[in-house]
Amino acid sequence: MITPANALTTLTFLQKIVEWAKSLWPNNLYRGFFDLSPTMFIVMKKDGTIKKVNRAFSDALGYKISDMEGKKLMSFVDPPDHRETIVSMWLLREGATIMVFRNDLVSRERLVVKLDWASAGNGLIYSNVRVVKSAKRKAQKKMKTVSEITK
């Protein structure tokens, strides 16, 4: 779980390393750090358009990276979480740092994936994201139960 203590450190580190890596080696180091990390990363424009996601993020939701980039984050947010997500996006557009935020996104398979976010706005919105483990286990258990019933 993302805690306030580790979220700010991670976000600050993420922002600095991404900007540094992009300025020095835009196609090598940046790609290696961002794309190969097991941590879920997403970079968005101020309007919520997804500029970049890494493989861990796309894998967790089952979408291809190309299916996510260029689309609005809100198109993936579970409808009951729209209001809270819109408020958080507004705060991030204004330059805030949100150390712990939880919402649900809808996977390609139409399953709800519960996520913990740590995000900072600074021209772009940088976020590191983790799947909430207990929710993941419940979803897997539910899927297993459904598959056993349909056998």
N, C-alpha and C. Protein backbone atom coordinates (compact mmCIF):
# COMPACT_ATOMS: atom_id res chain seq x y z
N MET A 1 0.84 -1.18 0.00
CA MET A 1 0.00 0.00 0.00
C MET A 1 0.88 1.24 0.00
N ILE A 2 0.48 2.22 -0.73
CA ILE A 2 1.20 3.48 -0.76
C ILE A 2 0.86 4.24 0.52
N THR A 3 1.89 4.67 1.22
CA THR A 3 1.68 5.45 2.43
C THR A 3 2.19 6.87 2.19
N PRO A 4 1.72 7.83 2.97
CA PRO A 4 2.23 9.20 2.80
C PRO A 4 3.75 9.28 2.92
N ALA A 5 4.32 8.46 3.77
CA ALA A 5 5.77 8.51 3.99
C ALA A 5 6.55 8.12 2.74
N ASN A 6 6.10 7.08 2.04
CA ASN A 6 6.88 6.64 0.87
C ASN A 6 6.37 7.24 -0.43
N ALA A 7 5.15 7.76 -0.46
CA ALA A 7 4.58 8.28 -1.70
C ALA A 7 5.29 9.53 -2.18
N LEU A 8 5.51 10.49 -1.29
CA LEU A 8 6.14 11.74 -1.70
C LEU A 8 7.56 11.49 -2.18
N THR A 9 8.29 10.65 -1.48
CA THR A 9 9.65 10.31 -1.89
C THR A 9 9.65 9.66 -3.26
N THR A 10 8.76 8.72 -3.48
CA THR A 10 8.68 8.03 -4.76
C THR A 10 8.31 8.99 -5.88
N LEU A 11 7.33 9.85 -5.64
CA LEU A 11 6.91 10.80 -6.68
C LEU A 11 8.01 11.79 -7.03
N THR A 12 8.66 12.32 -6.01
CA THR A 12 9.74 13.27 -6.26
C THR A 12 10.85 12.59 -7.05
N PHE A 13 11.21 11.39 -6.66
CA PHE A 13 12.22 10.63 -7.37
C PHE A 13 11.78 10.36 -8.80
N LEU A 14 10.54 9.94 -8.99
CA LEU A 14 10.02 9.64 -10.32
C LEU A 14 10.08 10.86 -11.22
N GLN A 15 9.62 12.01 -10.75
CA GLN A 15 9.65 13.23 -11.56
C GLN A 15 11.06 13.58 -11.96
N LYS A 16 11.97 13.55 -11.01
CA LYS A 16 13.35 13.94 -11.30
C LYS A 16 14.03 12.98 -12.25
N ILE A 17 13.87 11.70 -12.02
CA ILE A 17 14.55 10.72 -12.87
C ILE A 17 13.98 10.72 -14.29
N VAL A 18 12.66 10.89 -14.42
CA VAL A 18 12.06 10.92 -15.75
C VAL A 18 12.56 12.13 -16.53
N GLU A 19 12.55 13.30 -15.92
CA GLU A 19 13.02 14.51 -16.60
C GLU A 19 14.51 14.41 -16.93
N TRP A 20 15.31 13.92 -15.98
CA TRP A 20 16.74 13.77 -16.20
C TRP A 20 17.02 12.78 -17.33
N ALA A 21 16.37 11.63 -17.26
CA ALA A 21 16.61 10.58 -18.26
C ALA A 21 16.17 11.04 -19.65
N LYS A 22 15.04 11.72 -19.72
CA LYS A 22 14.56 12.20 -21.01
C LYS A 22 15.53 13.22 -21.61
N SER A 23 16.14 14.04 -20.77
CA SER A 23 17.05 15.06 -21.29
C SER A 23 18.37 14.46 -21.76
N LEU A 24 18.81 13.38 -21.14
CA LEU A 24 20.10 12.79 -21.51
C LEU A 24 19.99 11.72 -22.59
N TRP A 25 19.12 10.77 -22.37
CA TRP A 25 18.98 9.64 -23.28
C TRP A 25 17.51 9.36 -23.51
N PRO A 26 16.87 10.15 -24.33
CA PRO A 26 15.41 10.00 -24.45
C PRO A 26 14.95 8.64 -24.93
N ASN A 27 15.77 7.90 -25.62
CA ASN A 27 15.31 6.63 -26.15
C ASN A 27 15.88 5.41 -25.44
N ASN A 28 16.86 5.58 -24.56
CA ASN A 28 17.48 4.42 -23.95
C ASN A 28 17.23 4.31 -22.45
N LEU A 29 17.84 5.18 -21.68
CA LEU A 29 17.70 5.09 -20.23
C LEU A 29 16.26 5.32 -19.78
N TYR A 30 15.63 6.34 -20.35
CA TYR A 30 14.24 6.63 -20.01
C TYR A 30 13.36 5.42 -20.28
N ARG A 31 13.51 4.84 -21.45
CA ARG A 31 12.70 3.68 -21.82
C ARG A 31 12.98 2.52 -20.87
N GLY A 32 14.24 2.29 -20.54
CA GLY A 32 14.57 1.20 -19.64
C GLY A 32 13.99 1.38 -18.25
N PHE A 33 14.11 2.59 -17.71
CA PHE A 33 13.59 2.85 -16.37
C PHE A 33 12.07 2.78 -16.36
N PHE A 34 11.45 3.48 -17.27
CA PHE A 34 10.00 3.63 -17.26
C PHE A 34 9.30 2.35 -17.71
N ASP A 35 9.69 1.84 -18.86
CA ASP A 35 8.97 0.71 -19.45
C ASP A 35 9.24 -0.62 -18.78
N LEU A 36 10.40 -0.80 -18.21
CA LEU A 36 10.75 -2.10 -17.64
C LEU A 36 10.47 -2.20 -16.14
N SER A 37 10.06 -1.11 -15.53
CA SER A 37 9.80 -1.13 -14.10
C SER A 37 8.57 -1.98 -13.77
N PRO A 38 8.64 -2.76 -12.68
CA PRO A 38 7.45 -3.50 -12.24
C PRO A 38 6.42 -2.60 -11.56
N THR A 39 6.82 -1.37 -11.23
CA THR A 39 5.89 -0.40 -10.64
C THR A 39 5.06 0.20 -11.77
N MET A 40 3.79 0.40 -11.52
CA MET A 40 2.90 0.99 -12.52
C MET A 40 3.11 2.50 -12.56
N PHE A 41 3.46 3.02 -13.73
CA PHE A 41 3.65 4.46 -13.92
C PHE A 41 2.72 4.96 -15.01
N ILE A 42 2.24 6.19 -14.83
CA ILE A 42 1.43 6.86 -15.83
C ILE A 42 1.77 8.34 -15.81
N VAL A 43 1.89 8.94 -16.99
CA VAL A 43 2.10 10.37 -17.14
C VAL A 43 0.94 10.89 -17.96
N MET A 44 0.30 11.95 -17.44
CA MET A 44 -0.87 12.52 -18.13
C MET A 44 -0.67 14.01 -18.36
N LYS A 45 -1.36 14.50 -19.39
CA LYS A 45 -1.43 15.94 -19.59
C LYS A 45 -2.40 16.50 -18.55
N LYS A 46 -2.41 17.83 -18.41
CA LYS A 46 -3.28 18.47 -17.42
C LYS A 46 -4.76 18.17 -17.65
N ASP A 47 -5.14 17.91 -18.90
CA ASP A 47 -6.55 17.63 -19.19
C ASP A 47 -6.93 16.17 -18.95
N GLY A 48 -6.00 15.38 -18.43
CA GLY A 48 -6.27 13.98 -18.13
C GLY A 48 -6.00 13.03 -19.29
N THR A 49 -5.48 13.55 -20.39
CA THR A 49 -5.11 12.68 -21.52
C THR A 49 -3.85 11.90 -21.13
N ILE A 50 -3.90 10.61 -21.33
CA ILE A 50 -2.76 9.75 -20.99
C ILE A 50 -1.67 9.96 -22.04
N LYS A 51 -0.53 10.43 -21.56
CA LYS A 51 0.60 10.67 -22.44
C LYS A 51 1.48 9.42 -22.53
N LYS A 52 1.69 8.76 -21.39
CA LYS A 52 2.56 7.59 -21.36
C LYS A 52 2.16 6.68 -20.22
N VAL A 53 2.07 5.40 -20.48
CA VAL A 53 1.93 4.38 -19.44
C VAL A 53 3.03 3.36 -19.66
N ASN A 54 3.43 2.69 -18.61
CA ASN A 54 4.42 1.64 -18.80
C ASN A 54 3.72 0.28 -18.92
N ARG A 55 4.52 -0.70 -19.23
CA ARG A 55 3.97 -2.05 -19.45
C ARG A 55 3.25 -2.58 -18.21
N ALA A 56 3.78 -2.31 -17.02
CA ALA A 56 3.14 -2.79 -15.80
C ALA A 56 1.72 -2.24 -15.68
N PHE A 57 1.52 -0.99 -16.06
CA PHE A 57 0.20 -0.37 -15.99
C PHE A 57 -0.74 -1.03 -17.01
N SER A 58 -0.27 -1.16 -18.24
CA SER A 58 -1.14 -1.76 -19.27
C SER A 58 -1.43 -3.23 -18.97
N ASP A 59 -0.45 -3.95 -18.46
CA ASP A 59 -0.66 -5.36 -18.12
C ASP A 59 -1.70 -5.52 -17.00
N ALA A 60 -1.65 -4.64 -16.01
CA ALA A 60 -2.59 -4.74 -14.89
C ALA A 60 -4.04 -4.57 -15.34
N LEU A 61 -4.23 -3.79 -16.39
CA LEU A 61 -5.58 -3.55 -16.89
C LEU A 61 -5.92 -4.36 -18.14
N GLY A 62 -4.93 -5.01 -18.72
CA GLY A 62 -5.19 -5.87 -19.88
C GLY A 62 -5.29 -5.15 -21.21
N TYR A 63 -4.96 -3.87 -21.24
CA TYR A 63 -4.98 -3.11 -22.50
C TYR A 63 -3.60 -3.07 -23.11
N LYS A 64 -3.52 -2.88 -24.41
CA LYS A 64 -2.26 -2.57 -25.05
C LYS A 64 -1.91 -1.13 -24.70
N ILE A 65 -0.62 -0.84 -24.63
CA ILE A 65 -0.19 0.53 -24.35
C ILE A 65 -0.81 1.48 -25.37
N SER A 66 -0.81 1.10 -26.62
CA SER A 66 -1.34 1.97 -27.69
C SER A 66 -2.85 2.20 -27.54
N ASP A 67 -3.55 1.29 -26.86
CA ASP A 67 -4.99 1.48 -26.62
C ASP A 67 -5.26 2.48 -25.51
N MET A 68 -4.24 2.77 -24.69
CA MET A 68 -4.43 3.68 -23.56
C MET A 68 -3.89 5.08 -23.84
N GLU A 69 -2.72 5.14 -24.45
CA GLU A 69 -2.09 6.44 -24.68
C GLU A 69 -2.92 7.26 -25.67
N GLY A 70 -3.10 8.53 -25.33
CA GLY A 70 -3.90 9.43 -26.16
C GLY A 70 -5.37 9.48 -25.76
N LYS A 71 -5.77 8.60 -24.84
CA LYS A 71 -7.15 8.60 -24.36
C LYS A 71 -7.21 9.28 -23.00
N LYS A 72 -8.38 9.72 -22.62
CA LYS A 72 -8.59 10.35 -21.32
C LYS A 72 -8.62 9.27 -20.23
N LEU A 73 -7.99 9.55 -19.11
CA LEU A 73 -8.04 8.61 -17.98
C LEU A 73 -9.48 8.31 -17.60
N MET A 74 -10.34 9.32 -17.66
CA MET A 74 -11.74 9.14 -17.24
C MET A 74 -12.46 8.06 -18.05
N SER A 75 -11.99 7.77 -19.24
CA SER A 75 -12.64 6.71 -20.02
C SER A 75 -12.38 5.33 -19.45
N PHE A 76 -11.43 5.21 -18.52
CA PHE A 76 -11.12 3.94 -17.88
C PHE A 76 -11.62 3.87 -16.43
N VAL A 77 -12.06 5.01 -15.88
CA VAL A 77 -12.48 5.07 -14.48
C VAL A 77 -13.88 4.48 -14.33
N ASP A 78 -14.05 3.65 -13.31
CA ASP A 78 -15.35 3.07 -12.99
C ASP A 78 -16.32 4.21 -12.65
N PRO A 79 -17.52 4.24 -13.26
CA PRO A 79 -18.44 5.37 -13.07
C PRO A 79 -18.68 5.81 -11.62
N PRO A 80 -18.81 4.91 -10.63
CA PRO A 80 -19.00 5.41 -9.26
C PRO A 80 -17.84 6.25 -8.74
N ASP A 81 -16.66 6.15 -9.36
CA ASP A 81 -15.48 6.89 -8.91
C ASP A 81 -15.23 8.16 -9.72
N HIS A 82 -16.12 8.50 -10.64
CA HIS A 82 -15.90 9.68 -11.50
C HIS A 82 -15.74 10.95 -10.68
N ARG A 83 -16.65 11.22 -9.76
CA ARG A 83 -16.63 12.49 -9.03
C ARG A 83 -15.32 12.67 -8.28
N GLU A 84 -14.91 11.67 -7.50
CA GLU A 84 -13.67 11.79 -6.73
C GLU A 84 -12.46 11.93 -7.63
N THR A 85 -12.46 11.23 -8.75
CA THR A 85 -11.34 11.30 -9.68
C THR A 85 -11.27 12.68 -10.33
N ILE A 86 -12.41 13.25 -10.68
CA ILE A 86 -12.43 14.59 -11.27
C ILE A 86 -11.87 15.62 -10.29
N VAL A 87 -12.26 15.52 -9.02
CA VAL A 87 -11.75 16.44 -8.00
C VAL A 87 -10.24 16.29 -7.87
N SER A 88 -9.75 15.06 -7.83
CA SER A 88 -8.31 14.82 -7.71
C SER A 88 -7.56 15.36 -8.92
N MET A 89 -8.11 15.16 -10.12
CA MET A 89 -7.47 15.66 -11.34
C MET A 89 -7.41 17.19 -11.32
N TRP A 90 -8.45 17.83 -10.82
CA TRP A 90 -8.45 19.29 -10.73
C TRP A 90 -7.33 19.76 -9.80
N LEU A 91 -7.20 19.11 -8.65
CA LEU A 91 -6.13 19.47 -7.70
C LEU A 91 -4.75 19.28 -8.32
N LEU A 92 -4.58 18.19 -9.06
CA LEU A 92 -3.29 17.92 -9.71
C LEU A 92 -2.99 18.95 -10.80
N ARG A 93 -4.01 19.37 -11.53
CA ARG A 93 -3.83 20.42 -12.55
C ARG A 93 -3.33 21.72 -11.92
N GLU A 94 -3.75 21.94 -10.68
CA GLU A 94 -3.35 23.15 -9.96
C GLU A 94 -1.97 23.00 -9.31
N GLY A 95 -1.31 21.85 -9.50
CA GLY A 95 0.04 21.65 -8.99
C GLY A 95 0.12 20.92 -7.67
N ALA A 96 -0.97 20.36 -7.21
CA ALA A 96 -0.97 19.65 -5.92
C ALA A 96 -0.23 18.32 -6.02
N THR A 97 0.11 17.81 -4.86
CA THR A 97 0.61 16.45 -4.72
C THR A 97 -0.42 15.70 -3.91
N ILE A 98 -0.88 14.57 -4.43
CA ILE A 98 -1.83 13.72 -3.72
C ILE A 98 -1.09 12.44 -3.40
N MET A 99 -0.84 12.23 -2.12
CA MET A 99 0.01 11.11 -1.74
C MET A 99 -0.73 9.78 -1.68
N VAL A 100 -2.00 9.80 -1.36
CA VAL A 100 -2.75 8.55 -1.34
C VAL A 100 -4.15 8.82 -1.88
N PHE A 101 -4.48 8.15 -2.95
CA PHE A 101 -5.80 8.27 -3.55
C PHE A 101 -6.18 6.89 -4.04
N ARG A 102 -7.40 6.47 -3.79
CA ARG A 102 -7.85 5.15 -4.23
C ARG A 102 -9.04 5.31 -5.17
N ASN A 103 -8.95 4.65 -6.30
CA ASN A 103 -10.11 4.59 -7.19
C ASN A 103 -10.07 3.28 -7.97
N ASP A 104 -11.13 3.06 -8.74
CA ASP A 104 -11.25 1.84 -9.52
C ASP A 104 -11.20 2.17 -11.00
N LEU A 105 -10.44 1.37 -11.75
CA LEU A 105 -10.46 1.45 -13.20
C LEU A 105 -11.07 0.17 -13.73
N VAL A 106 -11.57 0.23 -14.94
CA VAL A 106 -12.21 -0.94 -15.55
C VAL A 106 -11.22 -1.55 -16.54
N SER A 107 -10.97 -2.84 -16.36
CA SER A 107 -10.01 -3.55 -17.22
C SER A 107 -10.63 -3.85 -18.58
N ARG A 108 -9.80 -4.30 -19.47
CA ARG A 108 -10.26 -4.69 -20.81
C ARG A 108 -11.31 -5.80 -20.73
N GLU A 109 -11.19 -6.66 -19.73
CA GLU A 109 -12.13 -7.77 -19.53
C GLU A 109 -13.37 -7.32 -18.77
N ARG A 110 -13.51 -6.00 -18.55
CA ARG A 110 -14.66 -5.39 -17.87
C ARG A 110 -14.69 -5.72 -16.37
N LEU A 111 -13.52 -6.01 -15.78
CA LEU A 111 -13.41 -6.22 -14.34
C LEU A 111 -12.98 -4.92 -13.69
N VAL A 112 -13.42 -4.68 -12.49
CA VAL A 112 -13.02 -3.49 -11.74
C VAL A 112 -11.70 -3.78 -11.04
N VAL A 113 -10.72 -2.91 -11.25
CA VAL A 113 -9.41 -3.05 -10.63
C VAL A 113 -9.22 -1.89 -9.66
N LYS A 114 -9.10 -2.20 -8.37
CA LYS A 114 -8.95 -1.19 -7.34
C LYS A 114 -7.48 -0.79 -7.25
N LEU A 115 -7.22 0.53 -7.31
CA LEU A 115 -5.85 1.03 -7.36
C LEU A 115 -5.60 2.08 -6.28
N ASP A 116 -4.37 2.08 -5.77
CA ASP A 116 -3.86 3.15 -4.91
C ASP A 116 -2.93 4.00 -5.78
N TRP A 117 -3.15 5.32 -5.74
CA TRP A 117 -2.39 6.26 -6.56
C TRP A 117 -1.60 7.20 -5.66
N ALA A 118 -0.43 7.59 -6.11
CA ALA A 118 0.33 8.71 -5.56
C ALA A 118 0.68 9.56 -6.77
N SER A 119 0.27 10.83 -6.75
CA SER A 119 0.39 11.67 -7.95
C SER A 119 0.85 13.07 -7.61
N ALA A 120 1.53 13.67 -8.57
CA ALA A 120 1.97 15.06 -8.43
C ALA A 120 1.78 15.76 -9.76
N GLY A 121 1.29 17.00 -9.68
CA GLY A 121 1.12 17.81 -10.87
C GLY A 121 2.23 18.83 -10.97
N ASN A 122 2.84 18.92 -12.15
CA ASN A 122 3.93 19.87 -12.39
C ASN A 122 4.03 20.09 -13.89
N GLY A 123 3.04 20.72 -14.48
CA GLY A 123 2.98 20.82 -15.93
C GLY A 123 2.33 19.57 -16.49
N LEU A 124 2.91 18.43 -16.18
CA LEU A 124 2.30 17.13 -16.46
C LEU A 124 1.90 16.53 -15.11
N ILE A 125 1.11 15.47 -15.17
CA ILE A 125 0.72 14.76 -13.95
C ILE A 125 1.44 13.42 -13.94
N TYR A 126 2.24 13.22 -12.91
CA TYR A 126 3.03 12.00 -12.76
C TYR A 126 2.40 11.16 -11.66
N SER A 127 2.20 9.87 -11.94
CA SER A 127 1.60 9.00 -10.92
C SER A 127 2.31 7.66 -10.89
N ASN A 128 2.46 7.15 -9.66
CA ASN A 128 2.80 5.74 -9.52
C ASN A 128 1.59 5.09 -8.87
N VAL A 129 1.32 3.88 -9.29
CA VAL A 129 0.05 3.25 -8.97
C VAL A 129 0.31 1.81 -8.55
N ARG A 130 -0.50 1.35 -7.60
CA ARG A 130 -0.40 -0.06 -7.18
C ARG A 130 -1.79 -0.66 -7.12
N VAL A 131 -1.89 -1.91 -7.53
CA VAL A 131 -3.14 -2.65 -7.38
C VAL A 131 -3.31 -2.96 -5.91
N VAL A 132 -4.51 -2.72 -5.39
CA VAL A 132 -4.81 -3.04 -3.99
C VAL A 132 -4.89 -4.55 -3.89
N LYS A 133 -4.00 -5.14 -3.14
CA LYS A 133 -3.87 -6.60 -3.09
C LYS A 133 -5.13 -7.31 -2.64
N SER A 134 -5.76 -6.84 -1.58
CA SER A 134 -6.95 -7.54 -1.07
C SER A 134 -8.06 -7.52 -2.12
N ALA A 135 -8.19 -6.42 -2.85
CA ALA A 135 -9.20 -6.34 -3.91
C ALA A 135 -8.86 -7.30 -5.05
N LYS A 136 -7.56 -7.41 -5.36
CA LYS A 136 -7.13 -8.31 -6.42
C LYS A 136 -7.46 -9.76 -6.06
N ARG A 137 -7.19 -10.13 -4.80
CA ARG A 137 -7.49 -11.50 -4.37
C ARG A 137 -8.99 -11.78 -4.42
N LYS A 138 -9.80 -10.81 -3.98
CA LYS A 138 -11.25 -11.00 -4.01
C LYS A 138 -11.75 -11.16 -5.43
N ALA A 139 -11.21 -10.38 -6.36
CA ALA A 139 -11.62 -10.47 -7.77
C ALA A 139 -11.23 -11.84 -8.34
N GLN A 140 -10.01 -12.30 -8.00
CA GLN A 140 -9.58 -13.61 -8.49
C GLN A 140 -10.44 -14.72 -7.89
N LYS A 141 -10.76 -14.61 -6.61
CA LYS A 141 -11.60 -15.61 -5.96
C LYS A 141 -12.99 -15.62 -6.59
N LYS A 142 -13.53 -14.44 -6.85
CA LYS A 142 -14.84 -14.33 -7.48
C LYS A 142 -14.82 -14.97 -8.87
N MET A 143 -13.77 -14.70 -9.64
CA MET A 143 -13.65 -15.28 -10.98
C MET A 143 -13.57 -16.80 -10.90
N LYS A 144 -12.82 -17.31 -9.92
CA LYS A 144 -12.69 -18.74 -9.75
C LYS A 144 -14.05 -19.36 -9.41
N THR A 145 -14.78 -18.73 -8.52
CA THR A 145 -16.10 -19.22 -8.14
C THR A 145 -17.04 -19.23 -9.33
N VAL A 146 -17.03 -18.19 -10.13
CA VAL A 146 -17.88 -18.12 -11.33
C VAL A 146 -17.52 -19.21 -12.30
N SER A 147 -16.21 -19.43 -12.51
CA SER A 147 -15.79 -20.48 -13.46
C SER A 147 -16.16 -21.87 -12.96
N GLU A 148 -16.14 -22.09 -11.63
CA GLU A 148 -16.53 -23.39 -11.08
C GLU A 148 -18.02 -23.62 -11.26
N ILE A 149 -18.82 -22.58 -11.11
CA ILE A 149 -20.27 -22.70 -11.25
C ILE A 149 -20.65 -23.02 -12.70
N THR A 150 -19.92 -22.43 -13.64
CA THR A 150 -20.28 -22.61 -15.06
C THR A 150 -19.75 -23.90 -15.66
N LYS A 151 -18.99 -24.68 -14.90
CA LYS A 151 -18.47 -25.96 -15.43
C LYS A 151 -19.56 -26.98 -15.56
